[in-house]
Amino acid sequence: MTLKVSRTGTKPEWIKSSYSTSDGPDCVEVATIPDHILVRDSKDPNGPRLALAPTTWATFLPYAVER
């Protein structure tokens, strides 16, 4: 997954997981800001968010890939 860092204003640009569909279960969304990867529940866009360092995100990704 390639993410672009949001540089327009203060609002991050959220990308919904490709596993989310209009028919099925909601999933997660991610966005990048300088120095962090943000993760949130797509069902609750105003709810809590995780802010991960890029190295932490890179370490997590191999475990998130469907096997």
PDB file of N, CA and C in Angstrom:
ATOM      1  N   MET A   1       0.842  -1.168   0.000  1.00  0.00           N
ATOM      2  CA  MET A   1       0.000   0.000   0.000  1.00  0.00           C
ATOM      3  C   MET A   1       0.887   1.230   0.000  1.00  0.00           C
ATOM      4  N   THR A   2       0.597   2.154  -0.881  1.00  0.00           N
ATOM      5  CA  THR A   2       1.340   3.400  -0.943  1.00  0.00           C
ATOM      6  C   THR A   2       0.436   4.526  -0.478  1.00  0.00           C
ATOM      7  N   LEU A   3       0.879   5.258   0.494  1.00  0.00           N
ATOM      8  CA  LEU A   3       0.121   6.379   1.016  1.00  0.00           C
ATOM      9  C   LEU A   3       0.859   7.668   0.737  1.00  0.00           C
ATOM     10  N   LYS A   4       0.118   8.700   0.405  1.00  0.00           N
ATOM     11  CA  LYS A   4       0.706  10.015   0.204  1.00  0.00           C
ATOM     12  C   LYS A   4       0.448  10.856   1.437  1.00  0.00           C
ATOM     13  N   VAL A   5       1.447  11.621   1.830  1.00  0.00           N
ATOM     14  CA  VAL A   5       1.311  12.479   2.996  1.00  0.00           C
ATOM     15  C   VAL A   5       0.413  13.653   2.648  1.00  0.00           C
ATOM     16  N   SER A   6      -0.582  13.877   3.491  1.00  0.00           N
ATOM     17  CA  SER A   6      -1.493  14.998   3.302  1.00  0.00           C
ATOM     18  C   SER A   6      -0.769  16.291   3.611  1.00  0.00           C
ATOM     19  N   ARG A   7      -0.728  17.165   2.660  1.00  0.00           N
ATOM     20  CA  ARG A   7      -0.077  18.454   2.861  1.00  0.00           C
ATOM     21  C   ARG A   7      -1.059  19.602   2.659  1.00  0.00           C
ATOM     22  N   THR A   8      -2.330  19.279   2.431  1.00  0.00           N
ATOM     23  CA  THR A   8      -3.322  20.306   2.177  1.00  0.00           C
ATOM     24  C   THR A   8      -4.096  20.590   3.454  1.00  0.00           C
ATOM     25  N   GLY A   9      -3.818  21.690   4.067  1.00  0.00           N
ATOM     26  CA  GLY A   9      -4.530  22.065   5.279  1.00  0.00           C
ATOM     27  C   GLY A   9      -4.235  21.124   6.430  1.00  0.00           C
ATOM     28  N   THR A  10      -5.176  21.051   7.351  1.00  0.00           N
ATOM     29  CA  THR A  10      -4.978  20.223   8.532  1.00  0.00           C
ATOM     30  C   THR A  10      -5.777  18.934   8.472  1.00  0.00           C
ATOM     31  N   LYS A  11      -6.623  18.759   7.455  1.00  0.00           N
ATOM     32  CA  LYS A  11      -7.446  17.556   7.355  1.00  0.00           C
ATOM     33  C   LYS A  11      -6.694  16.459   6.612  1.00  0.00           C
ATOM     34  N   PRO A  12      -6.530  15.304   7.246  1.00  0.00           N
ATOM     35  CA  PRO A  12      -5.886  14.191   6.533  1.00  0.00           C
ATOM     36  C   PRO A  12      -6.822  13.622   5.471  1.00  0.00           C
ATOM     37  N   GLU A  13      -6.255  13.055   4.427  1.00  0.00           N
ATOM     38  CA  GLU A  13      -7.025  12.404   3.374  1.00  0.00           C
ATOM     39  C   GLU A  13      -7.104  10.918   3.716  1.00  0.00           C
ATOM     40  N   TRP A  14      -8.292  10.451   4.063  1.00  0.00           N
ATOM     41  CA  TRP A  14      -8.503   9.078   4.512  1.00  0.00           C
ATOM     42  C   TRP A  14      -8.712   8.152   3.326  1.00  0.00           C
ATOM     43  N   ILE A  15      -8.127   6.970   3.408  1.00  0.00           N
ATOM     44  CA  ILE A  15      -8.273   5.935   2.387  1.00  0.00           C
ATOM     45  C   ILE A  15      -8.899   4.722   3.059  1.00  0.00           C
ATOM     46  N   LYS A  16     -10.045   4.292   2.530  1.00  0.00           N
ATOM     47  CA  LYS A  16     -10.743   3.140   3.102  1.00  0.00           C
ATOM     48  C   LYS A  16     -10.098   1.851   2.601  1.00  0.00           C
ATOM     49  N   SER A  17     -10.047   0.870   3.455  1.00  0.00           N
ATOM     50  CA  SER A  17      -9.506  -0.432   3.100  1.00  0.00           C
ATOM     51  C   SER A  17     -10.218  -0.998   1.880  1.00  0.00           C
ATOM     52  N   SER A  18      -9.476  -1.658   1.025  1.00  0.00           N
ATOM     53  CA  SER A  18     -10.072  -2.286  -0.156  1.00  0.00           C
ATOM     54  C   SER A  18     -10.987  -3.446   0.229  1.00  0.00           C
ATOM     55  N   TYR A  19     -10.928  -3.910   1.476  1.00  0.00           N
ATOM     56  CA  TYR A  19     -11.804  -4.974   1.943  1.00  0.00           C
ATOM     57  C   TYR A  19     -13.186  -4.452   2.330  1.00  0.00           C
ATOM     58  N   SER A  20     -13.341  -3.142   2.421  1.00  0.00           N
ATOM     59  CA  SER A  20     -14.641  -2.553   2.716  1.00  0.00           C
ATOM     60  C   SER A  20     -15.427  -2.425   1.420  1.00  0.00           C
ATOM     61  N   THR A  21     -16.705  -2.734   1.494  1.00  0.00           N
ATOM     62  CA  THR A  21     -17.576  -2.586   0.329  1.00  0.00           C
ATOM     63  C   THR A  21     -18.814  -1.813   0.736  1.00  0.00           C
ATOM     64  N   SER A  22     -19.578  -1.372  -0.243  1.00  0.00           N
ATOM     65  CA  SER A  22     -20.813  -0.670   0.084  1.00  0.00           C
ATOM     66  C   SER A  22     -21.849  -1.633   0.663  1.00  0.00           C
ATOM     67  N   ASP A  23     -21.707  -2.939   0.394  1.00  0.00           N
ATOM     68  CA  ASP A  23     -22.648  -3.943   0.895  1.00  0.00           C
ATOM     69  C   ASP A  23     -22.217  -4.564   2.213  1.00  0.00           C
ATOM     70  N   GLY A  24     -20.931  -4.611   2.426  1.00  0.00           N
ATOM     71  CA  GLY A  24     -20.436  -5.440   3.516  1.00  0.00           C
ATOM     72  C   GLY A  24     -19.951  -4.676   4.713  1.00  0.00           C
ATOM     73  N   PRO A  25     -19.193  -5.372   5.514  1.00  0.00           N
ATOM     74  CA  PRO A  25     -18.751  -4.777   6.772  1.00  0.00           C
ATOM     75  C   PRO A  25     -17.816  -3.605   6.526  1.00  0.00           C
ATOM     76  N   ASP A  26     -17.968  -2.615   7.372  1.00  0.00           N
ATOM     77  CA  ASP A  26     -17.026  -1.512   7.310  1.00  0.00           C
ATOM     78  C   ASP A  26     -15.705  -1.988   7.865  1.00  0.00           C
ATOM     79  N   CYS A  27     -14.696  -1.245   7.596  1.00  0.00           N
ATOM     80  CA  CYS A  27     -13.359  -1.700   7.946  1.00  0.00           C
ATOM     81  C   CYS A  27     -12.574  -0.534   8.532  1.00  0.00           C
ATOM     82  N   VAL A  28     -11.340  -0.459   8.189  1.00  0.00           N
ATOM     83  CA  VAL A  28     -10.486   0.609   8.675  1.00  0.00           C
ATOM     84  C   VAL A  28     -10.144   1.575   7.554  1.00  0.00           C
ATOM     85  N   GLU A  29      -9.756   2.771   7.960  1.00  0.00           N
ATOM     86  CA  GLU A  29      -9.263   3.775   7.041  1.00  0.00           C
ATOM     87  C   GLU A  29      -7.911   4.237   7.559  1.00  0.00           C
ATOM     88  N   VAL A  30      -7.052   4.617   6.645  1.00  0.00           N
ATOM     89  CA  VAL A  30      -5.746   5.136   7.025  1.00  0.00           C
ATOM     90  C   VAL A  30      -5.502   6.461   6.326  1.00  0.00           C
ATOM     91  N   ALA A  31      -4.680   7.271   6.947  1.00  0.00           N
ATOM     92  CA  ALA A  31      -4.270   8.547   6.372  1.00  0.00           C
ATOM     93  C   ALA A  31      -2.859   8.829   6.862  1.00  0.00           C
ATOM     94  N   THR A  32      -2.173   9.650   6.126  1.00  0.00           N
ATOM     95  CA  THR A  32      -0.830  10.030   6.558  1.00  0.00           C
ATOM     96  C   THR A  32      -0.791  11.522   6.837  1.00  0.00           C
ATOM     97  N   ILE A  33      -0.044  11.852   7.852  1.00  0.00           N
ATOM     98  CA  ILE A  33       0.299  13.231   8.156  1.00  0.00           C
ATOM     99  C   ILE A  33       1.807  13.216   8.370  1.00  0.00           C
ATOM    100  N   PRO A  34       2.445  14.351   8.340  1.00  0.00           N
ATOM    101  CA  PRO A  34       3.888  14.310   8.566  1.00  0.00           C
ATOM    102  C   PRO A  34       4.233  13.561   9.862  1.00  0.00           C
ATOM    103  N   ASP A  35       5.080  12.582   9.738  1.00  0.00           N
ATOM    104  CA  ASP A  35       5.613  11.803  10.864  1.00  0.00           C
ATOM    105  C   ASP A  35       4.676  10.767  11.480  1.00  0.00           C
ATOM    106  N   HIS A  36       3.458  10.568  10.942  1.00  0.00           N
ATOM    107  CA  HIS A  36       2.554   9.575  11.508  1.00  0.00           C
ATOM    108  C   HIS A  36       1.639   8.965  10.446  1.00  0.00           C
ATOM    109  N   ILE A  37       1.221   7.744  10.726  1.00  0.00           N
ATOM    110  CA  ILE A  37       0.161   7.081   9.969  1.00  0.00           C
ATOM    111  C   ILE A  37      -1.026   7.027  10.917  1.00  0.00           C
ATOM    112  N   LEU A  38      -2.178   7.524  10.467  1.00  0.00           N
ATOM    113  CA  LEU A  38      -3.383   7.512  11.282  1.00  0.00           C
ATOM    114  C   LEU A  38      -4.263   6.347  10.864  1.00  0.00           C
ATOM    115  N   VAL A  39      -4.906   5.702  11.828  1.00  0.00           N
ATOM    116  CA  VAL A  39      -5.804   4.574  11.566  1.00  0.00           C
ATOM    117  C   VAL A  39      -7.085   4.832  12.347  1.00  0.00           C
ATOM    118  N   ARG A  40      -8.249   4.626  11.671  1.00  0.00           N
ATOM    119  CA  ARG A  40      -9.528   4.802  12.350  1.00  0.00           C
ATOM    120  C   ARG A  40     -10.534   3.768  11.854  1.00  0.00           C
ATOM    121  N   ASP A  41     -11.601   3.596  12.598  1.00  0.00           N
ATOM    122  CA  ASP A  41     -12.710   2.725  12.238  1.00  0.00           C
ATOM    123  C   ASP A  41     -13.593   3.488  11.260  1.00  0.00           C
ATOM    124  N   SER A  42     -13.829   2.928  10.081  1.00  0.00           N
ATOM    125  CA  SER A  42     -14.616   3.644   9.080  1.00  0.00           C
ATOM    126  C   SER A  42     -16.079   3.822   9.490  1.00  0.00           C
ATOM    127  N   LYS A  43     -16.571   3.017  10.444  1.00  0.00           N
ATOM    128  CA  LYS A  43     -17.936   3.172  10.945  1.00  0.00           C
ATOM    129  C   LYS A  43     -18.059   4.366  11.883  1.00  0.00           C
ATOM    130  N   ASP A  44     -16.946   4.813  12.428  1.00  0.00           N
ATOM    131  CA  ASP A  44     -16.952   5.898  13.415  1.00  0.00           C
ATOM    132  C   ASP A  44     -15.858   6.909  13.064  1.00  0.00           C
ATOM    133  N   PRO A  45     -16.052   7.657  11.970  1.00  0.00           N
ATOM    134  CA  PRO A  45     -14.987   8.548  11.508  1.00  0.00           C
ATOM    135  C   PRO A  45     -14.629   9.661  12.489  1.00  0.00           C
ATOM    136  N   ASN A  46     -15.507   9.966  13.425  1.00  0.00           N
ATOM    137  CA  ASN A  46     -15.200  10.994  14.422  1.00  0.00           C
ATOM    138  C   ASN A  46     -14.714  10.395  15.734  1.00  0.00           C
ATOM    139  N   GLY A  47     -14.570   9.074  15.750  1.00  0.00           N
ATOM    140  CA  GLY A  47     -14.138   8.383  16.957  1.00  0.00           C
ATOM    141  C   GLY A  47     -12.628   8.418  17.133  1.00  0.00           C
ATOM    142  N   PRO A  48     -12.131   7.569  18.004  1.00  0.00           N
ATOM    143  CA  PRO A  48     -10.701   7.545  18.304  1.00  0.00           C
ATOM    144  C   PRO A  48      -9.876   7.115  17.099  1.00  0.00           C
ATOM    145  N   ARG A  49      -8.637   7.542  17.098  1.00  0.00           N
ATOM    146  CA  ARG A  49      -7.687   7.205  16.028  1.00  0.00           C
ATOM    147  C   ARG A  49      -6.381   6.743  16.659  1.00  0.00           C
ATOM    148  N   LEU A  50      -5.735   5.862  15.951  1.00  0.00           N
ATOM    149  CA  LEU A  50      -4.370   5.487  16.327  1.00  0.00           C
ATOM    150  C   LEU A  50      -3.420   6.343  15.519  1.00  0.00           C
ATOM    151  N   ALA A  51      -2.364   6.801  16.127  1.00  0.00           N
ATOM    152  CA  ALA A  51      -1.310   7.532  15.431  1.00  0.00           C
ATOM    153  C   ALA A  51      -0.035   6.710  15.575  1.00  0.00           C
ATOM    154  N   LEU A  52       0.425   6.159  14.467  1.00  0.00           N
ATOM    155  CA  LEU A  52       1.586   5.272  14.489  1.00  0.00           C
ATOM    156  C   LEU A  52       2.775   5.913  13.785  1.00  0.00           C
ATOM    157  N   ALA A  53       3.948   5.665  14.333  1.00  0.00           N
ATOM    158  CA  ALA A  53       5.170   6.091  13.651  1.00  0.00           C
ATOM    159  C   ALA A  53       5.310   5.265  12.371  1.00  0.00           C
ATOM    160  N   PRO A  54       5.884   5.827  11.323  1.00  0.00           N
ATOM    161  CA  PRO A  54       6.042   5.068  10.082  1.00  0.00           C
ATOM    162  C   PRO A  54       6.759   3.732  10.265  1.00  0.00           C
ATOM    163  N   THR A  55       7.728   3.670  11.150  1.00  0.00           N
ATOM    164  CA  THR A  55       8.431   2.400  11.371  1.00  0.00           C
ATOM    165  C   THR A  55       7.516   1.373  12.032  1.00  0.00           C
ATOM    166  N   THR A  56       6.641   1.812  12.922  1.00  0.00           N
ATOM    167  CA  THR A  56       5.680   0.919  13.558  1.00  0.00           C
ATOM    168  C   THR A  56       4.689   0.397  12.526  1.00  0.00           C
ATOM    169  N   TRP A  57       4.205   1.278  11.650  1.00  0.00           N
ATOM    170  CA  TRP A  57       3.280   0.889  10.578  1.00  0.00           C
ATOM    171  C   TRP A  57       3.939  -0.151   9.671  1.00  0.00           C
ATOM    172  N   ALA A  58       5.172   0.088   9.293  1.00  0.00           N
ATOM    173  CA  ALA A  58       5.896  -0.841   8.410  1.00  0.00           C
ATOM    174  C   ALA A  58       6.077  -2.204   9.080  1.00  0.00           C
ATOM    175  N   THR A  59       6.304  -2.217  10.382  1.00  0.00           N
ATOM    176  CA  THR A  59       6.438  -3.479  11.112  1.00  0.00           C
ATOM    177  C   THR A  59       5.105  -4.213  11.183  1.00  0.00           C
ATOM    178  N   PHE A  60       3.994  -3.482  11.308  1.00  0.00           N
ATOM    179  CA  PHE A  60       2.666  -4.072  11.408  1.00  0.00           C
ATOM    180  C   PHE A  60       2.173  -4.661  10.096  1.00  0.00           C
ATOM    181  N   LEU A  61       2.444  -4.030   8.979  1.00  0.00           N
ATOM    182  CA  LEU A  61       1.860  -4.423   7.690  1.00  0.00           C
ATOM    183  C   LEU A  61       2.010  -5.900   7.334  1.00  0.00           C
ATOM    184  N   PRO A  62       3.150  -6.528   7.513  1.00  0.00           N
ATOM    185  CA  PRO A  62       3.233  -7.947   7.152  1.00  0.00           C
ATOM    186  C   PRO A  62       2.235  -8.823   7.905  1.00  0.00           C
ATOM    187  N   TYR A  63       1.843  -8.423   9.110  1.00  0.00           N
ATOM    188  CA  TYR A  63       0.885  -9.183   9.889  1.00  0.00           C
ATOM    189  C   TYR A  63      -0.560  -8.931   9.454  1.00  0.00           C
ATOM    190  N   ALA A  64      -0.794  -7.838   8.749  1.00  0.00           N
ATOM    191  CA  ALA A  64      -2.137  -7.474   8.307  1.00  0.00           C
ATOM    192  C   ALA A  64      -2.480  -8.049   6.940  1.00  0.00           C
ATOM    193  N   VAL A  65      -1.513  -8.572   6.243  1.00  0.00           N
ATOM    194  CA  VAL A  65      -1.733  -9.116   4.908  1.00  0.00           C
ATOM    195  C   VAL A  65      -2.464 -10.454   5.020  1.00  0.00           C
ATOM    196  N   GLU A  66      -3.476 -10.614   4.195  1.00  0.00           N
ATOM    197  CA  GLU A  66      -4.227 -11.874   4.206  1.00  0.00           C
ATOM    198  C   GLU A  66      -3.311 -13.005   3.768  1.00  0.00           C
ATOM    199  N   ARG A  67      -3.355 -14.082   4.497  1.00  0.00           N
ATOM    200  CA  ARG A  67      -2.495 -15.235   4.174  1.00  0.00           C
ATOM    201  C   ARG A  67      -3.331 -16.385   3.722  1.00  0.00           C
TER     202      ARG A  67
END
